[in-house]
Amino acid sequence: MHQTLKIGQIVPSSNLTMEREIPAMLRAREEVLPERFSFHSSRMRMKKVTKEELEAMDRDSDRCALELSDADVDVMGYACLVAIMSMGKGYHRESQKRLHQVTVDNGHPAPVVSSAGALVDGLHLMGAKRISIVTPYMRPLTNLVADYIEAEGVEVSDSIALEIPDNLEVAAQNPLNLTEIYKQVNLKNIDALVLSACVQMPSLAAIQKVEDECGIPVLSAAVATTHQMLKELGLDARVPGCGTLLSGKFA
């Protein structure tokens, strides 16, 4: 009997999607592999995706890490990509290090993954040099995300900004809309398509469909986060039907 691994998530208070998509991926993995998972969250306040609210929210992340550490979780994921990216280039390293130190100081050391760092690391692992991205953000935040990714050495060839400011409205999007939306973005000479560069915009149901249709590796921030959590746990980073990154090729 395998122990149940505890997955901790630091989640914006208005985020619904990470507590749906990450468990969905790991439950799908349970169908084919022996490990079992439970899911635990701590929330930081955020309603509107603005730079000011994101900065205030990020300051709350230390408290969340401490709370999850009290539960002795096995891995922690910071489930907001744009909050990290809006704090300055390369900030995911600083954030992950600081939050990990919180768990060490609390006597329950746990690896900390951020969706921002996971996306960048996943792209590097796939050997992606040029990508296109789809985001729900307003155009200035979308440009900020593209700049952050480019500062990490991956060229963003094209981006779609759906310009949805309300975070609950982002969560309410139908992921299957992305099977049409992606056709508006440049797919020529790119190595990967980030179908949702936001962990609040649902995309899981569309990832494999779009990848099969366009023939380009397709991922999302949530897929990359799941991949990195599994790697940090020392597990086979493989989930069926979730695109190239979780296909087992990079397990």
Protein backbone atom coordinates (compact mmCIF):
# COMPACT_ATOMS: atom_id res chain seq x y z
CA MET A 1 0.00 0.00 0.00
CA HIS A 2 1.49 3.32 -1.07
CA GLN A 3 1.48 6.24 1.33
CA THR A 4 -0.76 9.14 0.33
CA LEU A 5 1.35 12.09 -0.76
CA LYS A 6 0.11 15.49 0.40
CA ILE A 7 -0.03 18.14 -2.31
CA GLY A 8 -0.10 21.68 -0.90
CA GLN A 9 -1.26 24.64 -2.95
CA ILE A 10 -0.86 28.35 -2.25
CA VAL A 11 -3.89 29.71 -4.06
CA PRO A 12 -5.31 33.18 -4.80
CA SER A 13 -8.62 33.41 -2.92
CA SER A 14 -10.60 33.76 -6.15
CA ASN A 15 -8.80 30.91 -7.93
CA LEU A 16 -10.89 27.78 -8.54
CA THR A 17 -9.06 26.15 -11.41
CA MET A 18 -5.87 24.89 -9.75
CA GLU A 19 -7.90 22.93 -7.21
CA ARG A 20 -9.72 21.33 -10.14
CA GLU A 21 -7.00 20.75 -12.73
CA ILE A 22 -4.11 19.56 -10.56
CA PRO A 23 -6.27 16.99 -8.73
CA ALA A 24 -7.78 15.94 -12.10
CA MET A 25 -4.31 15.28 -13.52
CA LEU A 26 -3.10 13.41 -10.46
CA ARG A 27 -6.33 11.35 -10.28
CA ALA A 28 -5.79 10.42 -13.94
CA ARG A 29 -2.27 9.37 -13.00
CA GLU A 30 -3.67 7.21 -10.18
CA GLU A 31 -5.50 5.19 -12.85
CA VAL A 32 -2.19 4.02 -14.31
CA LEU A 33 0.41 4.36 -11.53
CA PRO A 34 0.41 3.27 -7.87
CA GLU A 35 0.96 6.53 -5.96
CA ARG A 36 -1.99 8.23 -4.22
CA PHE A 37 -2.47 11.94 -3.46
CA SER A 38 -4.45 14.24 -1.19
CA PHE A 39 -4.89 17.98 -1.76
CA HIS A 40 -4.56 20.86 0.68
CA SER A 41 -4.79 24.60 0.04
CA SER A 42 -4.15 27.89 1.77
CA ARG A 43 -5.55 31.09 0.28
CA MET A 44 -4.25 34.62 -0.22
CA ARG A 45 -6.72 37.41 -1.00
CA MET A 46 -7.09 38.50 -4.64
CA LYS A 47 -10.16 39.41 -6.69
CA LYS A 48 -9.00 41.58 -9.58
CA VAL A 49 -5.88 40.75 -11.56
CA THR A 50 -4.10 44.10 -11.19
CA LYS A 51 -0.45 44.74 -10.36
CA GLU A 52 -1.41 46.30 -6.99
CA GLU A 53 -3.61 43.38 -5.89
CA LEU A 54 -1.00 40.89 -7.10
CA GLU A 55 1.75 42.54 -5.03
CA ALA A 56 -0.44 42.62 -1.91
CA MET A 57 -1.35 38.98 -2.49
CA ASP A 58 2.26 37.87 -2.92
CA ARG A 59 3.11 39.29 0.52
CA ASP A 60 0.52 36.85 1.91
CA SER A 61 2.27 33.82 0.43
CA ASP A 62 4.61 33.36 3.41
CA ARG A 63 1.64 32.87 5.74
CA CYS A 64 0.18 30.32 3.31
CA ALA A 65 3.46 28.40 3.16
CA LEU A 66 3.56 28.33 6.96
CA GLU A 67 -0.02 27.04 7.22
CA LEU A 68 0.61 24.28 4.66
CA SER A 69 3.85 23.42 6.39
CA ASP A 70 1.86 22.84 9.60
CA ALA A 71 0.15 20.02 7.68
CA ASP A 72 3.60 18.62 6.73
CA VAL A 73 2.76 18.56 3.00
CA ASP A 74 5.18 16.74 0.69
CA VAL A 75 5.36 19.45 -1.97
CA MET A 76 3.97 22.97 -2.27
CA GLY A 77 2.84 24.78 -5.41
CA TYR A 78 2.45 28.54 -5.68
CA ALA A 79 -0.61 28.63 -7.91
CA CYS A 80 -0.45 32.08 -9.51
CA LEU A 81 1.80 32.68 -12.47
CA VAL A 82 1.19 36.37 -13.07
CA ALA A 83 1.66 37.34 -9.40
CA ILE A 84 5.21 36.01 -9.55
CA MET A 85 5.94 37.42 -13.00
CA SER A 86 4.64 40.89 -12.10
CA MET A 87 7.18 41.11 -9.24
CA GLY A 88 10.16 41.39 -11.60
CA LYS A 89 12.19 39.16 -13.90
CA GLY A 90 13.50 35.96 -12.33
CA TYR A 91 11.41 36.49 -9.18
CA HIS A 92 10.22 32.86 -9.11
CA ARG A 93 13.66 31.79 -7.82
CA GLU A 94 13.57 34.28 -4.97
CA SER A 95 9.97 33.37 -4.06
CA GLN A 96 10.59 29.61 -4.13
CA LYS A 97 13.72 29.95 -2.00
CA ARG A 98 11.98 32.17 0.56
CA LEU A 99 8.87 29.98 0.84
CA HIS A 100 10.99 26.83 1.12
CA GLN A 101 12.90 28.50 3.98
CA VAL A 102 9.55 29.09 5.74
CA THR A 103 8.94 25.31 5.67
CA VAL A 104 12.49 24.57 6.87
CA ASP A 105 12.17 27.03 9.77
CA ASN A 106 8.84 25.42 10.68
CA GLY A 107 10.45 21.97 10.94
CA HIS A 108 8.62 20.47 7.95
CA PRO A 109 10.87 21.14 4.93
CA ALA A 110 9.02 20.82 1.62
CA PRO A 111 10.08 21.58 -1.94
CA VAL A 112 8.28 24.63 -3.37
CA VAL A 113 7.25 24.86 -7.02
CA SER A 114 5.79 27.99 -8.60
CA SER A 115 3.65 27.89 -11.73
CA ALA A 116 5.86 30.65 -13.20
CA GLY A 117 9.08 28.71 -12.62
CA ALA A 118 7.47 25.42 -13.66
CA LEU A 119 6.33 26.85 -16.99
CA VAL A 120 9.80 28.22 -17.80
CA ASP A 121 11.53 25.03 -16.65
CA GLY A 122 9.06 22.87 -18.60
CA LEU A 123 9.73 24.84 -21.78
CA HIS A 124 13.50 24.46 -21.33
CA LEU A 125 13.09 20.73 -20.68
CA MET A 126 11.11 20.39 -23.92
CA GLY A 127 13.84 22.30 -25.76
CA ALA A 128 11.37 25.02 -26.75
CA LYS A 129 13.15 28.09 -28.11
CA ARG A 130 10.13 29.86 -29.65
CA ILE A 131 6.56 29.67 -28.38
CA SER A 132 3.17 31.32 -28.66
CA ILE A 133 0.94 31.90 -25.63
CA VAL A 134 -2.76 32.38 -24.84
CA THR A 135 -3.67 34.37 -21.72
CA PRO A 136 -6.88 35.73 -20.18
CA TYR A 137 -5.05 38.86 -18.99
CA MET A 138 -5.33 42.46 -20.07
CA ARG A 139 -2.77 43.30 -22.77
CA PRO A 140 -0.22 45.04 -20.44
CA LEU A 141 -0.07 41.98 -18.13
CA THR A 142 0.15 39.65 -21.13
CA ASN A 143 3.13 41.65 -22.41
CA LEU A 144 4.68 41.45 -18.94
CA VAL A 145 4.32 37.64 -18.99
CA ALA A 146 5.88 37.46 -22.46
CA ASP A 147 8.79 39.67 -21.32
CA TYR A 148 9.35 37.47 -18.26
CA ILE A 149 9.47 34.31 -20.39
CA GLU A 150 11.81 35.99 -22.88
CA ALA A 151 14.13 37.04 -20.03
CA GLU A 152 14.39 33.30 -19.27
CA GLY A 153 15.66 32.64 -22.79
CA VAL A 154 12.48 31.58 -24.62
CA GLU A 155 11.23 33.78 -27.47
CA VAL A 156 7.50 34.55 -27.47
CA SER A 157 6.56 34.67 -31.13
CA ASP A 158 2.92 35.66 -30.57
CA SER A 159 0.38 36.09 -27.80
CA ILE A 160 -3.38 36.34 -27.41
CA ALA A 161 -4.76 38.45 -24.55
CA LEU A 162 -8.43 37.68 -23.89
CA GLU A 163 -8.60 40.78 -21.62
CA ILE A 164 -10.81 39.41 -18.83
CA PRO A 165 -10.05 41.46 -15.69
CA ASP A 166 -12.36 39.64 -13.25
CA ASN A 167 -10.69 36.52 -11.86
CA LEU A 168 -13.96 34.61 -11.33
CA GLU A 169 -14.92 35.28 -14.93
CA VAL A 170 -11.56 33.82 -15.99
CA ALA A 171 -12.35 30.61 -14.07
CA ALA A 172 -15.80 30.42 -15.71
CA GLN A 173 -14.37 30.17 -19.26
CA ASN A 174 -15.17 26.99 -21.18
CA PRO A 175 -11.81 25.28 -21.82
CA LEU A 176 -13.09 23.90 -25.12
CA ASN A 177 -13.32 27.47 -26.47
CA LEU A 178 -9.53 27.23 -26.66
CA THR A 179 -9.86 24.66 -29.47
CA GLU A 180 -10.96 27.59 -31.66
CA ILE A 181 -9.10 30.47 -29.97
CA TYR A 182 -5.68 28.91 -30.53
CA LYS A 183 -6.16 29.15 -34.31
CA GLN A 184 -5.82 32.94 -34.04
CA VAL A 185 -2.25 32.74 -32.75
CA ASN A 186 0.87 32.32 -34.89
CA LEU A 187 1.78 28.61 -35.01
CA LYS A 188 4.52 28.87 -37.66
CA ASN A 189 8.06 27.98 -36.56
CA ILE A 190 7.17 27.57 -32.89
CA ASP A 191 8.33 24.70 -30.69
CA ALA A 192 5.43 24.75 -28.22
CA LEU A 193 2.07 26.39 -27.63
CA VAL A 194 1.16 27.52 -24.12
CA LEU A 195 -2.62 27.18 -24.29
CA SER A 196 -3.12 28.83 -20.91
CA ALA A 197 -0.27 30.89 -19.46
CA CYS A 198 -2.56 31.35 -16.45
CA VAL A 199 -3.46 28.82 -13.79
CA GLN A 200 -6.95 30.29 -13.40
CA MET A 201 -8.01 29.91 -17.05
CA PRO A 202 -9.24 26.33 -17.53
CA SER A 203 -7.53 24.51 -20.39
CA LEU A 204 -7.04 20.89 -19.34
CA ALA A 205 -9.88 19.51 -21.48
CA ALA A 206 -8.36 21.15 -24.57
CA ILE A 207 -4.63 20.38 -24.17
CA GLN A 208 -4.49 16.95 -25.85
CA LYS A 209 -7.17 17.85 -28.42
CA VAL A 210 -5.29 20.93 -29.62
CA GLU A 211 -1.94 19.11 -29.59
CA ASP A 212 -3.36 16.26 -31.68
CA GLU A 213 -4.92 18.77 -34.09
CA CYS A 214 -1.98 21.15 -34.62
CA GLY A 215 0.88 18.68 -34.19
CA ILE A 216 2.80 21.09 -31.93
CA PRO A 217 3.54 20.25 -28.27
CA VAL A 218 0.86 21.96 -26.17
CA LEU A 219 1.07 22.72 -22.47
CA SER A 220 -0.35 25.04 -19.83
CA ALA A 221 0.96 26.55 -16.63
CA ALA A 222 -1.07 23.94 -14.70
CA VAL A 223 0.40 21.04 -16.73
CA ALA A 224 3.92 22.39 -16.10
CA THR A 225 3.20 22.79 -12.37
CA THR A 226 1.97 19.19 -12.12
CA HIS A 227 5.05 17.96 -14.00
CA GLN A 228 7.40 19.82 -11.66
CA MET A 229 5.55 18.70 -8.51
CA LEU A 230 5.94 15.07 -9.61
CA LYS A 231 9.65 15.59 -10.33
CA GLU A 232 10.16 17.20 -6.90
CA LEU A 233 8.44 14.18 -5.31
CA GLY A 234 10.84 11.89 -7.19
CA LEU A 235 7.96 10.34 -9.12
CA ASP A 236 7.44 9.37 -12.75
CA ALA A 237 6.12 12.65 -14.24
CA ARG A 238 3.56 11.00 -16.47
CA VAL A 239 -0.16 11.64 -16.85
CA PRO A 240 -2.13 10.24 -19.79
CA GLY A 241 -3.91 12.63 -22.16
CA CYS A 242 -2.26 15.85 -20.95
CA GLY A 243 0.09 16.67 -23.82
CA THR A 244 3.77 16.10 -24.56
CA LEU A 245 5.27 17.36 -21.29
CA LEU A 246 3.35 14.76 -19.24
CA SER A 247 3.49 12.04 -21.93
CA GLY A 248 6.37 10.27 -20.18
CA LYS A 249 8.94 11.60 -22.65
CA PHE A 250 10.24 13.92 -19.91
CA ALA A 251 9.35 11.70 -16.96
